[in-house]
Amino acid sequence: MKDLKTHLMRTPLRGAVLAGCLAFANGAMAQTATDFSFSVTAFKQAVAENLDDNQGMAAFYRARNFDPIWTGDSAADQARRQALLAAFALASDHGLPVSRYNADDLMARLSDVPNGRARGELEIDLSRQFLQFANDLQSGILEPGKVISGIKRKPPRRDADVLLSRITNEDPTAVFRDLVPATPEYARLMRAKLKLEHKIRQGGWGQTVRGSKLKPGDSGTNVVALRDRLTRMGYMAPSLSARFDDQLQAAVSAFQEDHGLEVDGVAGGGTLKAINTSAVERLKSVMVAMERERWLNLPEGLGQRHVRVNLVNFHAQIFDDNKLTYETRSVIGHQDYDRRTPEFSDVMEHIVINPYWYVPRSIIVNEYLPLLRSNPGAAGHLDIVDGRGNVVGRGRDFSQYSGRSFPFSMRQRPGPRNALGTVKFMFPNKYNIYLHDTPQKALFKRAVRTFSHGCIRLNDPHDFAYAILAKQESDPKGYFQRILRSGENTKVLLDQQVPVHLIYRTAFTKAKGKVNYRNDVYQRDQKLWKALQAQGVALRVGDS
């Protein structure tokens, strides 16, 4: 990871950058004492007047009496200028909006800037450009919640005065290197971006594959096209065979595994659709994933131990020291707008064994209250509960209540048929989202698992619980099973609270192997790509 960053930051500067910096530095030295005094006053006045409403930047410059950090004559100022322009030259590698940073304009101004007021204005422009670039690279270009309401995540912006203090007091090249998200995922995504760009310049993955289904034993031109395309993708060695043989079947199976498809070695409709997706479209997915990874570049990190749920991968994972230690299949919210699972991070505080299921208010009003009005004994598998948690008898007249005035809640008692199954994992949040068991196990056999009302169902919740409890119980399985057998609704506090990150990645990597891709089931990445384009992000290979 460190080697990759070092390589990226060592890209040679264009000659014009050095020439501009040096010309500015030399010109600034040729002044009389009187001119210099007047120049300093005009410079500081220009700096003060152009700080606008950026409080962090204003505090930074006031604390240093409005002295420059970019436009001075010192070797330190020159080093900062060079590091800034060198970083701008790498913006496209990171999928950032190159036009946003006005590198050419800054170079022209640096090479021929007069003293005084114009220099003060340039000083502030350089600081603004630095802060813009630093935030874009470190924590993302977009404010995601403004693009998609289901993304409940604020990019972890650093304070302006902190960033400016760092670039002033530390080695500037090292500061820019440290702005790059330090996760292995970001490094691998960036490497994938560069490889895809190279592949696209060479013609991409070749011609698309015709037909509706290709299976072992088939032969002909469509099989040849399938073989050639998988070869260009790196799934098999070149071959002249026109037959769907064992080698091709293995390649199709490997492709299906990497794309979250049913692994059967048969190129059916879904598999062919994924195979025919262009390298350009995959590049967009990778670039959106890089932006999403920047949103998770938290100062405190994701957590030494944390839970990660990639919604569109339909798996819940536990990581310890950045290593995957447990994984199980998951079901997420339906594609209906009001049932989609939101994206956010929170902290798991406890688990509940033998949980009650509290019926959502909408279901009570629309489904159960009409039944209770005509038959107080209806829905006998549910308790009716008052505001104090006491169970209400069925002898009262429920016909007096409307949907608005019904004062009770309803809950399903613990048991194997409970909608939440036998355990739920709580990271209290205002969206009322949590992980839980379910009696509907057959749904986990589906490749696309969007069936819930928003919460995340787990295929192996008991094993998940054992893994969570292993940090505080010598026999987590025995401990869990004893409580489960009691049938008692039991809340178990976690000694070590666990960060939970609900993410959405249509492109993601593994430590070994190829980039994995998933379907954009909520069309969120499609919207994010359009938003990135609106901010100036562009493909270096064209958008065809």
Protein backbone atom coordinates (compact mmCIF):
# COMPACT_ATOMS: atom_id res chain seq x y z
CA MET A 1 0.00 0.00 0.00
CA LYS A 2 2.76 2.46 0.95
CA ASP A 3 4.72 1.57 -2.19
CA LEU A 4 1.71 2.33 -4.37
CA LYS A 5 1.24 5.76 -2.79
CA THR A 6 4.94 6.56 -3.11
CA HIS A 7 4.88 5.58 -6.79
CA LEU A 8 1.86 7.77 -7.44
CA MET A 9 3.37 10.82 -5.75
CA ARG A 10 6.69 10.53 -7.65
CA THR A 11 5.20 11.34 -11.06
CA PRO A 12 7.55 13.95 -12.63
CA LEU A 13 6.30 17.53 -12.72
CA ARG A 14 5.67 19.12 -16.04
CA GLY A 15 8.45 21.54 -16.95
CA ALA A 16 6.00 24.40 -16.96
CA VAL A 17 5.23 23.84 -13.28
CA LEU A 18 8.84 24.23 -12.23
CA ALA A 19 9.35 27.12 -14.59
CA GLY A 20 6.31 28.90 -13.22
CA CYS A 21 7.28 28.35 -9.60
CA LEU A 22 10.85 29.51 -10.18
CA ALA A 23 9.83 32.52 -12.26
CA PHE A 24 7.47 33.60 -9.50
CA ALA A 25 10.11 33.14 -6.80
CA ASN A 26 12.78 35.06 -8.74
CA GLY A 27 10.44 37.91 -9.64
CA ALA A 28 9.31 38.31 -6.06
CA MET A 29 12.91 38.96 -4.96
CA ALA A 30 13.48 41.94 -7.28
CA GLN A 31 11.86 44.68 -5.20
CA THR A 32 12.96 47.85 -3.47
CA ALA A 33 12.43 48.09 0.28
CA THR A 34 9.65 50.67 -0.18
CA ASP A 35 7.85 48.57 -2.76
CA PHE A 36 8.20 45.52 -0.55
CA SER A 37 6.59 47.24 2.45
CA PHE A 38 3.69 48.45 0.36
CA SER A 39 3.41 45.02 -1.23
CA VAL A 40 3.18 43.25 2.13
CA THR A 41 0.39 45.56 3.32
CA ALA A 42 -1.59 45.06 0.09
CA PHE A 43 -0.96 41.31 0.25
CA LYS A 44 -2.28 40.92 3.79
CA GLN A 45 -5.28 43.12 3.10
CA ALA A 46 -6.13 40.98 0.05
CA VAL A 47 -5.77 37.80 2.10
CA ALA A 48 -8.05 39.12 4.85
CA GLU A 49 -10.69 40.36 2.40
CA ASN A 50 -10.85 37.09 0.46
CA LEU A 51 -11.26 34.67 3.35
CA ASP A 52 -15.05 34.86 2.95
CA ASP A 53 -16.98 32.57 5.31
CA ASN A 54 -14.44 29.77 5.65
CA GLN A 55 -13.95 30.02 9.40
CA GLY A 56 -11.22 27.40 9.58
CA MET A 57 -9.14 29.08 6.90
CA ALA A 58 -9.76 32.51 8.49
CA ALA A 59 -8.61 31.25 11.90
CA PHE A 60 -5.51 29.73 10.33
CA TYR A 61 -4.42 32.94 8.58
CA ARG A 62 -5.26 35.19 11.52
CA ALA A 63 -3.11 33.02 13.78
CA ARG A 64 -0.11 33.55 11.46
CA ASN A 65 -0.78 37.28 10.95
CA PHE A 66 -1.81 36.61 7.33
CA ASP A 67 1.66 35.48 6.30
CA PRO A 68 1.76 33.31 3.15
CA ILE A 69 2.28 29.56 2.93
CA TRP A 70 2.18 29.26 -0.89
CA THR A 71 3.30 32.52 -2.45
CA GLY A 72 6.32 33.39 -0.32
CA ASP A 73 9.92 33.34 -1.51
CA SER A 74 11.12 30.59 0.85
CA ALA A 75 12.15 27.10 -0.14
CA ALA A 76 9.28 25.79 2.02
CA ASP A 77 6.70 27.79 0.06
CA GLN A 78 8.19 26.57 -3.20
CA ALA A 79 8.09 22.96 -1.98
CA ARG A 80 4.41 23.33 -1.09
CA ARG A 81 3.62 24.78 -4.54
CA GLN A 82 5.42 21.95 -6.26
CA ALA A 83 3.72 19.30 -4.12
CA LEU A 84 0.29 20.82 -4.78
CA LEU A 85 0.72 20.90 -8.54
CA ALA A 86 2.22 17.41 -8.55
CA ALA A 87 -0.83 16.15 -6.65
CA PHE A 88 -3.16 17.84 -9.14
CA ALA A 89 -1.39 15.94 -11.92
CA LEU A 90 -2.56 12.70 -10.29
CA ALA A 91 -6.20 13.72 -9.84
CA SER A 92 -7.39 11.64 -12.78
CA ASP A 93 -5.70 8.52 -11.42
CA HIS A 94 -7.98 8.82 -8.40
CA GLY A 95 -11.08 9.49 -10.49
CA LEU A 96 -11.28 13.10 -9.29
CA PRO A 97 -12.68 16.02 -11.34
CA VAL A 98 -9.48 17.41 -12.89
CA SER A 99 -11.16 20.60 -14.12
CA ARG A 100 -12.15 21.51 -10.57
CA TYR A 101 -8.58 22.34 -9.52
CA ASN A 102 -7.64 24.83 -12.30
CA ALA A 103 -4.05 23.61 -12.45
CA ASP A 104 -3.26 25.35 -15.76
CA ASP A 105 -4.66 28.66 -14.52
CA LEU A 106 -2.68 28.42 -11.30
CA MET A 107 0.53 27.66 -13.21
CA ALA A 108 0.01 30.68 -15.46
CA ARG A 109 -0.60 32.94 -12.47
CA LEU A 110 2.37 31.52 -10.59
CA SER A 111 4.68 32.26 -13.50
CA ASP A 112 3.66 35.90 -13.83
CA VAL A 113 2.07 37.18 -10.65
CA PRO A 114 2.65 40.82 -9.63
CA ASN A 115 3.30 41.65 -6.02
CA GLY A 116 0.86 42.90 -3.45
CA ARG A 117 -2.88 42.47 -3.86
CA ALA A 118 -2.76 40.02 -6.76
CA ARG A 119 -0.37 37.84 -4.79
CA GLY A 120 -2.72 37.86 -1.80
CA GLU A 121 -5.63 36.80 -3.98
CA LEU A 122 -3.51 34.01 -5.46
CA GLU A 123 -2.53 32.91 -1.94
CA ILE A 124 -6.16 32.41 -0.96
CA ASP A 125 -7.00 30.73 -4.27
CA LEU A 126 -4.18 28.25 -3.70
CA SER A 127 -5.43 27.49 -0.20
CA ARG A 128 -8.97 27.01 -1.51
CA GLN A 129 -7.73 24.71 -4.24
CA PHE A 130 -5.68 22.75 -1.72
CA LEU A 131 -8.65 22.33 0.63
CA GLN A 132 -10.94 21.32 -2.23
CA PHE A 133 -8.48 18.72 -3.48
CA ALA A 134 -7.68 17.46 0.03
CA ASN A 135 -11.35 16.95 0.88
CA ASP A 136 -12.14 15.36 -2.48
CA LEU A 137 -9.27 12.90 -2.20
CA GLN A 138 -9.53 12.19 1.51
CA SER A 139 -13.29 12.04 2.09
CA GLY A 140 -15.09 12.22 -1.24
CA ILE A 141 -16.36 14.54 -3.94
CA LEU A 142 -20.09 14.27 -3.24
CA GLU A 143 -22.41 14.92 -0.32
CA PRO A 144 -24.13 11.55 -0.85
CA GLY A 145 -27.31 12.25 1.12
CA LYS A 146 -28.10 15.11 -1.24
CA VAL A 147 -27.93 12.74 -4.20
CA ILE A 148 -29.69 9.71 -2.69
CA SER A 149 -31.83 9.99 0.45
CA GLY A 150 -31.16 6.34 1.32
CA ILE A 151 -27.48 7.08 1.94
CA LYS A 152 -27.44 8.25 5.54
CA ARG A 153 -23.75 9.02 5.56
CA LYS A 154 -21.79 12.25 5.89
CA PRO A 155 -18.27 12.29 4.44
CA PRO A 156 -15.70 12.70 7.24
CA ARG A 157 -14.46 16.18 6.31
CA ARG A 158 -11.35 17.42 8.14
CA ASP A 159 -11.20 20.97 9.48
CA ALA A 160 -9.65 23.54 7.17
CA ASP A 161 -7.26 24.86 9.81
CA VAL A 162 -6.04 21.33 10.54
CA LEU A 163 -5.31 20.63 6.86
CA LEU A 164 -3.60 23.99 6.37
CA SER A 165 -1.54 23.50 9.53
CA ARG A 166 -0.42 20.08 8.29
CA ILE A 167 0.66 21.33 4.87
CA THR A 168 2.53 24.18 6.61
CA ASN A 169 4.30 22.21 9.32
CA GLU A 170 4.90 18.81 7.73
CA ASP A 171 6.61 17.56 4.61
CA PRO A 172 4.06 18.54 1.92
CA THR A 173 4.66 15.50 -0.27
CA ALA A 174 4.02 13.25 2.74
CA VAL A 175 0.84 15.18 3.56
CA PHE A 176 -0.56 14.58 0.08
CA ARG A 177 0.41 10.94 0.30
CA ASP A 178 -1.45 10.62 3.62
CA LEU A 179 -4.61 12.11 2.14
CA VAL A 180 -5.07 8.97 0.06
CA PRO A 181 -7.37 6.51 1.91
CA ALA A 182 -5.03 3.99 3.50
CA THR A 183 -7.29 0.95 3.10
CA PRO A 184 -6.21 -2.07 1.05
CA GLU A 185 -9.58 -1.84 -0.71
CA TYR A 186 -8.88 1.66 -2.05
CA ALA A 187 -5.44 0.63 -3.30
CA ARG A 188 -6.85 -2.43 -5.07
CA LEU A 189 -9.73 -0.44 -6.59
CA MET A 190 -7.30 2.14 -7.90
CA ARG A 191 -5.14 -0.59 -9.40
CA ALA A 192 -8.27 -2.07 -11.01
CA LYS A 193 -9.15 1.36 -12.46
CA LEU A 194 -5.74 1.72 -14.08
CA LYS A 195 -5.87 -1.83 -15.48
CA LEU A 196 -9.36 -1.31 -16.91
CA GLU A 197 -8.29 1.91 -18.58
CA HIS A 198 -5.36 0.10 -20.15
CA LYS A 199 -7.62 -2.76 -21.29
CA ILE A 200 -10.16 -0.35 -22.81
CA ARG A 201 -7.45 1.45 -24.75
CA GLN A 202 -6.57 -1.98 -26.20
CA GLY A 203 -10.15 -2.56 -27.35
CA GLY A 204 -11.84 -3.77 -24.19
CA TRP A 205 -13.08 -7.35 -23.94
CA GLY A 206 -13.82 -7.85 -27.61
CA GLN A 207 -17.11 -8.64 -29.31
CA THR A 208 -20.19 -9.47 -27.26
CA VAL A 209 -21.61 -12.97 -27.12
CA ARG A 210 -24.82 -13.73 -28.99
CA GLY A 211 -27.42 -16.32 -28.05
CA SER A 212 -29.65 -16.91 -25.05
CA LYS A 213 -27.86 -19.91 -23.50
CA LEU A 214 -24.58 -21.75 -24.02
CA LYS A 215 -23.80 -24.98 -22.17
CA PRO A 216 -21.16 -27.74 -22.07
CA GLY A 217 -21.10 -29.68 -25.34
CA ASP A 218 -22.22 -26.74 -27.49
CA SER A 219 -20.01 -25.52 -30.34
CA GLY A 220 -19.96 -22.81 -32.97
CA THR A 221 -19.24 -19.12 -33.39
CA ASN A 222 -21.09 -18.08 -30.23
CA VAL A 223 -18.96 -20.46 -28.16
CA VAL A 224 -15.84 -19.00 -29.80
CA ALA A 225 -17.01 -15.48 -28.91
CA LEU A 226 -17.65 -16.60 -25.31
CA ARG A 227 -14.21 -18.17 -25.08
CA ASP A 228 -12.51 -15.10 -26.57
CA ARG A 229 -14.29 -12.68 -24.24
CA LEU A 230 -13.49 -14.71 -21.10
CA THR A 231 -9.89 -14.96 -22.30
CA ARG A 232 -9.63 -11.18 -22.61
CA MET A 233 -11.13 -10.90 -19.12
CA GLY A 234 -8.38 -13.16 -17.79
CA TYR A 235 -10.54 -16.15 -16.88
CA MET A 236 -8.81 -18.64 -19.18
CA ALA A 237 -5.80 -19.14 -21.43
CA PRO A 238 -6.13 -18.56 -25.20
CA SER A 239 -7.48 -21.51 -27.17
CA LEU A 240 -8.63 -22.22 -30.73
CA SER A 241 -11.32 -24.68 -29.67
CA ALA A 242 -14.87 -23.97 -30.87
CA ARG A 243 -16.36 -26.41 -28.34
CA PHE A 244 -17.80 -25.68 -24.89
CA ASP A 245 -15.34 -27.95 -23.07
CA ASP A 246 -14.30 -28.44 -19.46
CA GLN A 247 -11.85 -25.53 -19.61
CA LEU A 248 -14.58 -23.13 -20.75
CA GLN A 249 -17.01 -24.47 -18.17
CA ALA A 250 -14.47 -23.80 -15.40
CA ALA A 251 -13.99 -20.25 -16.70
CA VAL A 252 -17.75 -19.63 -16.76
CA SER A 253 -18.03 -20.96 -13.18
CA ALA A 254 -15.22 -18.69 -11.98
CA PHE A 255 -16.88 -15.72 -13.67
CA GLN A 256 -20.21 -16.56 -12.03
CA GLU A 257 -18.55 -16.76 -8.62
CA ASP A 258 -17.01 -13.30 -9.06
CA HIS A 259 -20.31 -11.79 -10.15
CA GLY A 260 -22.61 -13.23 -7.50
CA LEU A 261 -24.41 -15.53 -9.92
CA GLU A 262 -25.54 -19.12 -9.48
CA VAL A 263 -22.43 -21.19 -10.13
CA ASP A 264 -23.44 -23.93 -12.57
CA GLY A 265 -20.95 -23.47 -15.43
CA VAL A 266 -23.79 -22.73 -17.86
CA ALA A 267 -23.89 -19.37 -19.66
CA GLY A 268 -27.59 -18.61 -19.35
CA GLY A 269 -29.35 -15.28 -19.76
CA GLY A 270 -28.14 -13.69 -16.49
CA THR A 271 -24.57 -14.88 -16.97
CA LEU A 272 -24.44 -13.69 -20.60
CA LYS A 273 -25.81 -10.30 -19.60
CA ALA A 274 -22.99 -9.93 -17.06
CA ILE A 275 -20.37 -11.22 -19.53
CA ASN A 276 -21.57 -8.73 -22.16
CA THR A 277 -21.40 -5.76 -19.78
CA SER A 278 -18.71 -3.50 -21.22
CA ALA A 279 -15.39 -2.71 -19.61
CA VAL A 280 -16.43 0.96 -19.66
CA GLU A 281 -19.47 0.20 -17.49
CA ARG A 282 -17.31 -1.80 -15.09
CA LEU A 283 -14.88 1.12 -14.94
CA LYS A 284 -17.72 3.39 -13.86
CA SER A 285 -18.59 0.94 -11.08
CA VAL A 286 -14.98 0.92 -9.88
CA MET A 287 -14.80 4.71 -9.87
CA VAL A 288 -18.04 4.96 -7.89
CA ALA A 289 -16.65 2.38 -5.45
CA MET A 290 -13.53 4.53 -4.99
CA GLU A 291 -15.76 7.50 -4.14
CA ARG A 292 -17.71 5.36 -1.70
CA GLU A 293 -14.48 4.16 -0.08
CA ARG A 294 -13.47 7.78 0.48
CA TRP A 295 -16.69 8.32 2.48
CA LEU A 296 -15.50 5.57 4.85
CA ASN A 297 -12.04 7.11 5.34
CA LEU A 298 -12.83 7.80 8.99
CA PRO A 299 -10.14 9.28 11.26
CA GLU A 300 -10.76 6.44 13.72
CA GLY A 301 -10.94 3.79 10.99
CA LEU A 302 -13.69 1.20 10.57
CA GLY A 303 -12.83 -0.48 13.86
CA GLN A 304 -10.29 -3.14 14.83
CA ARG A 305 -13.29 -5.48 14.96
CA HIS A 306 -16.29 -4.49 12.89
CA VAL A 307 -19.27 -5.84 10.98
CA ARG A 308 -19.58 -4.99 7.30
CA VAL A 309 -22.69 -5.66 5.22
CA ASN A 310 -22.32 -5.02 1.50
CA LEU A 311 -26.01 -4.82 0.69
CA VAL A 312 -25.75 -5.79 -2.97
CA ASN A 313 -23.39 -8.67 -2.19
CA PHE A 314 -26.05 -10.11 0.16
CA HIS A 315 -23.52 -11.10 2.83
CA ALA A 316 -22.79 -9.98 6.39
CA GLN A 317 -19.15 -10.18 7.43
CA ILE A 318 -17.10 -9.84 10.60
CA PHE A 319 -13.59 -8.41 10.29
CA ASP A 320 -10.81 -8.57 12.87
CA ASP A 321 -7.69 -6.51 12.17
CA ASN A 322 -8.81 -6.09 8.54
CA LYS A 323 -9.11 -9.86 8.07
CA LEU A 324 -12.41 -11.55 7.27
CA THR A 325 -13.13 -13.92 10.17
CA TYR A 326 -16.80 -14.79 9.59
CA GLU A 327 -19.31 -14.49 6.76
CA THR A 328 -22.92 -15.48 6.23
CA ARG A 329 -25.56 -14.85 3.57
CA SER A 330 -28.05 -12.06 4.09
CA VAL A 331 -31.39 -10.78 2.84
CA ILE A 332 -31.87 -7.02 2.45
CA GLY A 333 -34.79 -4.66 1.85
CA HIS A 334 -37.02 -5.01 -1.19
CA GLN A 335 -36.53 -2.74 -4.24
CA ASP A 336 -39.75 -0.89 -3.39
CA TYR A 337 -38.66 2.61 -2.45
CA ASP A 338 -40.04 2.52 1.10
CA ARG A 339 -38.46 -0.87 1.86
CA ARG A 340 -34.90 -0.29 0.68
CA THR A 341 -32.20 -0.75 3.32
CA PRO A 342 -30.40 2.54 4.03
CA GLU A 343 -26.62 2.92 4.14
CA PHE A 344 -25.09 4.13 7.41
CA SER A 345 -22.70 3.22 10.20
CA ASP A 346 -23.49 2.68 13.86
CA VAL A 347 -22.35 0.60 16.81
CA MET A 348 -23.69 -2.78 17.92
CA GLU A 349 -24.34 -2.55 21.65
CA HIS A 350 -26.21 -5.75 22.47
CA ILE A 351 -27.94 -8.82 21.12
CA VAL A 352 -31.38 -10.10 22.06
CA ILE A 353 -31.94 -13.85 22.33
CA ASN A 354 -35.54 -15.04 22.07
CA PRO A 355 -36.71 -11.62 20.83
CA TYR A 356 -40.21 -10.24 20.61
CA TRP A 357 -41.23 -8.96 17.20
CA TYR A 358 -43.02 -5.64 17.48
CA VAL A 359 -45.44 -5.29 14.60
CA PRO A 360 -44.90 -2.13 12.53
CA ARG A 361 -47.61 0.48 13.07
CA SER A 362 -48.63 0.40 9.42
CA ILE A 363 -49.34 -3.35 9.62
CA ILE A 364 -51.31 -2.92 12.87
CA VAL A 365 -53.52 -0.21 11.37
CA ASN A 366 -54.00 -1.72 7.94
CA GLU A 367 -54.18 -5.43 8.73
CA TYR A 368 -54.83 -6.28 12.39
CA LEU A 369 -57.03 -3.47 13.69
CA PRO A 370 -59.84 -4.21 11.17
CA LEU A 371 -59.79 -7.82 12.40
CA LEU A 372 -59.84 -6.82 16.08
CA ARG A 373 -62.81 -4.52 15.55
CA SER A 374 -64.97 -7.45 14.47
CA ASN A 375 -63.28 -10.15 16.56
CA PRO A 376 -61.22 -9.22 19.68
CA GLY A 377 -59.71 -12.70 19.66
CA ALA A 378 -58.24 -12.34 16.17
CA ALA A 379 -54.49 -12.63 15.65
CA GLY A 380 -54.19 -14.61 18.86
CA HIS A 381 -50.50 -15.31 18.22
CA LEU A 382 -49.83 -11.65 18.98
CA ASP A 383 -49.85 -9.82 22.32
CA ILE A 384 -51.56 -6.44 22.54
CA VAL A 385 -49.38 -4.22 24.74
CA ASP A 386 -50.02 -0.88 26.43
CA GLY A 387 -47.54 1.96 26.83
CA ARG A 388 -46.14 0.46 30.05
CA GLY A 389 -45.40 -2.90 28.44
CA ASN A 390 -48.35 -4.68 30.02
CA VAL A 391 -50.33 -7.20 27.99
CA VAL A 392 -53.89 -6.00 27.37
CA GLY A 393 -56.76 -8.45 27.73
CA ARG A 394 -58.86 -9.31 24.71
CA GLY A 395 -62.14 -8.60 26.48
CA ARG A 396 -62.35 -4.93 25.57
CA ASP A 397 -64.22 -3.39 22.63
CA PHE A 398 -61.68 -2.52 19.95
CA SER A 399 -64.32 -1.14 17.59
CA GLN A 400 -64.06 2.22 19.39
CA TYR A 401 -60.57 2.82 17.96
CA SER A 402 -59.52 4.25 14.64
CA GLY A 403 -56.12 3.81 13.11
CA ARG A 404 -55.10 7.17 14.60
CA SER A 405 -56.51 6.62 18.09
CA PHE A 406 -55.48 2.95 18.64
CA PRO A 407 -53.24 3.33 21.75
CA PHE A 408 -51.58 -0.07 21.80
CA SER A 409 -48.70 -1.85 20.17
CA MET A 410 -48.67 -5.49 19.13
CA ARG A 411 -45.88 -8.02 19.43
CA GLN A 412 -45.18 -11.61 18.54
CA ARG A 413 -43.93 -13.76 21.39
CA PRO A 414 -40.51 -15.46 21.22
CA GLY A 415 -40.39 -18.78 19.47
CA PRO A 416 -39.28 -20.57 16.30
CA ARG A 417 -42.05 -18.94 14.24
CA ASN A 418 -41.24 -15.44 15.40
CA ALA A 419 -40.66 -13.10 12.43
CA LEU A 420 -37.23 -12.25 13.89
CA GLY A 421 -36.36 -15.87 14.51
CA THR A 422 -34.35 -16.59 17.63
CA VAL A 423 -31.92 -13.67 17.85
CA LYS A 424 -31.44 -10.08 16.77
CA PHE A 425 -28.33 -7.89 16.79
CA MET A 426 -28.94 -4.32 17.87
CA PHE A 427 -27.06 -1.19 16.84
CA PRO A 428 -29.74 1.33 17.93
CA ASN A 429 -30.48 3.84 15.18
CA LYS A 430 -33.30 6.14 14.12
CA TYR A 431 -33.95 4.04 11.02
CA ASN A 432 -34.96 1.00 13.13
CA ILE A 433 -32.61 -1.25 11.16
CA TYR A 434 -30.91 -4.28 12.71
CA LEU A 435 -29.62 -7.76 11.87
CA HIS A 436 -31.76 -10.74 12.79
CA ASP A 437 -32.65 -14.38 12.29
CA THR A 438 -35.66 -15.42 10.19
CA PRO A 439 -37.81 -18.57 9.82
CA GLN A 440 -37.87 -18.04 6.03
CA LYS A 441 -34.66 -19.95 5.27
CA ALA A 442 -35.55 -20.83 1.67
CA LEU A 443 -34.94 -17.25 0.55
CA PHE A 444 -31.20 -17.61 1.16
CA LYS A 445 -30.96 -19.97 -1.80
CA ARG A 446 -31.81 -17.11 -4.19
CA ALA A 447 -29.00 -15.26 -5.94
CA VAL A 448 -30.72 -11.87 -5.54
CA ARG A 449 -32.07 -11.55 -1.99
CA THR A 450 -34.21 -8.40 -1.69
CA PHE A 451 -37.21 -9.50 0.37
CA SER A 452 -37.25 -7.73 3.74
CA HIS A 453 -38.91 -4.50 4.88
CA GLY A 454 -35.45 -2.97 5.37
CA CYS A 455 -33.80 -4.97 8.14
CA ILE A 456 -31.07 -7.48 7.34
CA ARG A 457 -31.82 -11.17 7.79
CA LEU A 458 -28.98 -13.64 8.40
CA ASN A 459 -28.73 -17.19 7.12
CA ASP A 460 -26.59 -18.45 10.02
CA PRO A 461 -27.46 -16.13 12.92
CA HIS A 462 -26.39 -18.55 15.65
CA ASP A 463 -22.87 -18.90 14.26
CA PHE A 464 -22.82 -15.12 13.81
CA ALA A 465 -23.76 -14.75 17.48
CA TYR A 466 -21.04 -17.19 18.57
CA ALA A 467 -18.47 -15.13 16.64
CA ILE A 468 -19.70 -11.88 18.23
CA LEU A 469 -19.75 -13.37 21.75
CA ALA A 470 -16.37 -15.10 21.41
CA LYS A 471 -14.63 -11.95 22.69
CA GLN A 472 -16.38 -12.14 26.04
CA GLU A 473 -17.42 -15.76 26.61
CA SER A 474 -15.07 -18.75 26.92
CA ASP A 475 -17.86 -21.00 25.57
CA PRO A 476 -19.96 -18.68 23.38
CA LYS A 477 -21.98 -21.51 21.84
CA GLY A 478 -22.86 -23.05 25.20
CA TYR A 479 -23.70 -19.63 26.65
CA PHE A 480 -25.98 -18.77 23.73
CA GLN A 481 -27.73 -22.14 23.66
CA ARG A 482 -28.48 -22.08 27.39
CA ILE A 483 -30.32 -18.79 27.03
CA LEU A 484 -32.02 -19.94 23.85
CA ARG A 485 -33.34 -23.11 25.51
CA SER A 486 -34.77 -21.07 28.39
CA GLY A 487 -37.19 -19.39 25.98
CA GLU A 488 -36.79 -16.17 27.95
CA ASN A 489 -36.45 -12.85 26.16
CA THR A 490 -32.87 -11.94 27.12
CA LYS A 491 -30.74 -8.89 26.36
CA VAL A 492 -26.99 -9.55 26.30
CA LEU A 493 -24.77 -6.47 26.48
CA LEU A 494 -21.52 -6.57 24.55
CA ASP A 495 -18.38 -5.88 26.57
CA GLN A 496 -16.74 -4.66 23.37
CA GLN A 497 -19.18 -2.74 21.21
CA VAL A 498 -18.79 -3.46 17.51
CA PRO A 499 -19.01 -0.86 14.71
CA VAL A 500 -21.46 -1.86 11.98
CA HIS A 501 -21.10 -0.49 8.45
CA LEU A 502 -23.93 -0.96 5.95
CA ILE A 503 -22.35 -0.28 2.57
CA TYR A 504 -23.31 -0.64 -1.09
CA ARG A 505 -20.60 -1.74 -3.52
CA THR A 506 -21.34 -2.94 -7.03
CA ALA A 507 -17.56 -3.29 -7.45
CA PHE A 508 -15.35 -4.62 -4.69
CA THR A 509 -12.10 -6.52 -4.33
CA LYS A 510 -10.67 -9.42 -2.40
CA ALA A 511 -7.14 -9.86 -1.14
CA LYS A 512 -6.61 -12.40 -3.92
CA GLY A 513 -8.41 -12.79 -7.20
CA LYS A 514 -10.26 -10.51 -9.56
CA VAL A 515 -12.55 -7.57 -8.94
CA ASN A 516 -16.07 -8.72 -8.05
CA TYR A 517 -19.13 -7.02 -9.52
CA ARG A 518 -22.75 -7.01 -8.42
CA ASN A 519 -26.04 -5.70 -9.80
CA ASP A 520 -27.11 -2.19 -8.88
CA VAL A 521 -30.39 -3.41 -7.36
CA TYR A 522 -31.45 0.00 -6.01
CA GLN A 523 -29.94 1.96 -8.98
CA ARG A 524 -27.92 3.99 -6.49
CA ASP A 525 -24.57 3.70 -8.25
CA GLN A 526 -26.19 4.76 -11.51
CA LYS A 527 -27.32 8.00 -9.84
CA LEU A 528 -23.97 8.52 -8.15
CA TRP A 529 -22.12 8.21 -11.46
CA LYS A 530 -24.33 10.91 -12.96
CA ALA A 531 -23.69 13.09 -9.92
CA LEU A 532 -19.93 12.56 -10.23
CA GLN A 533 -20.10 13.50 -13.91
CA ALA A 534 -21.97 16.68 -12.97
CA GLN A 535 -19.04 17.54 -10.69
CA GLY A 536 -16.56 17.09 -13.54
CA VAL A 537 -15.48 13.47 -13.15
CA ALA A 538 -14.70 12.01 -16.57
CA LEU A 539 -13.45 8.77 -18.08
CA ARG A 540 -9.97 9.03 -19.52
CA VAL A 541 -10.98 6.50 -22.18
CA GLY A 542 -14.19 8.14 -23.34
CA ASP A 543 -17.76 7.25 -22.45
CA SER A 544 -18.76 4.82 -25.20
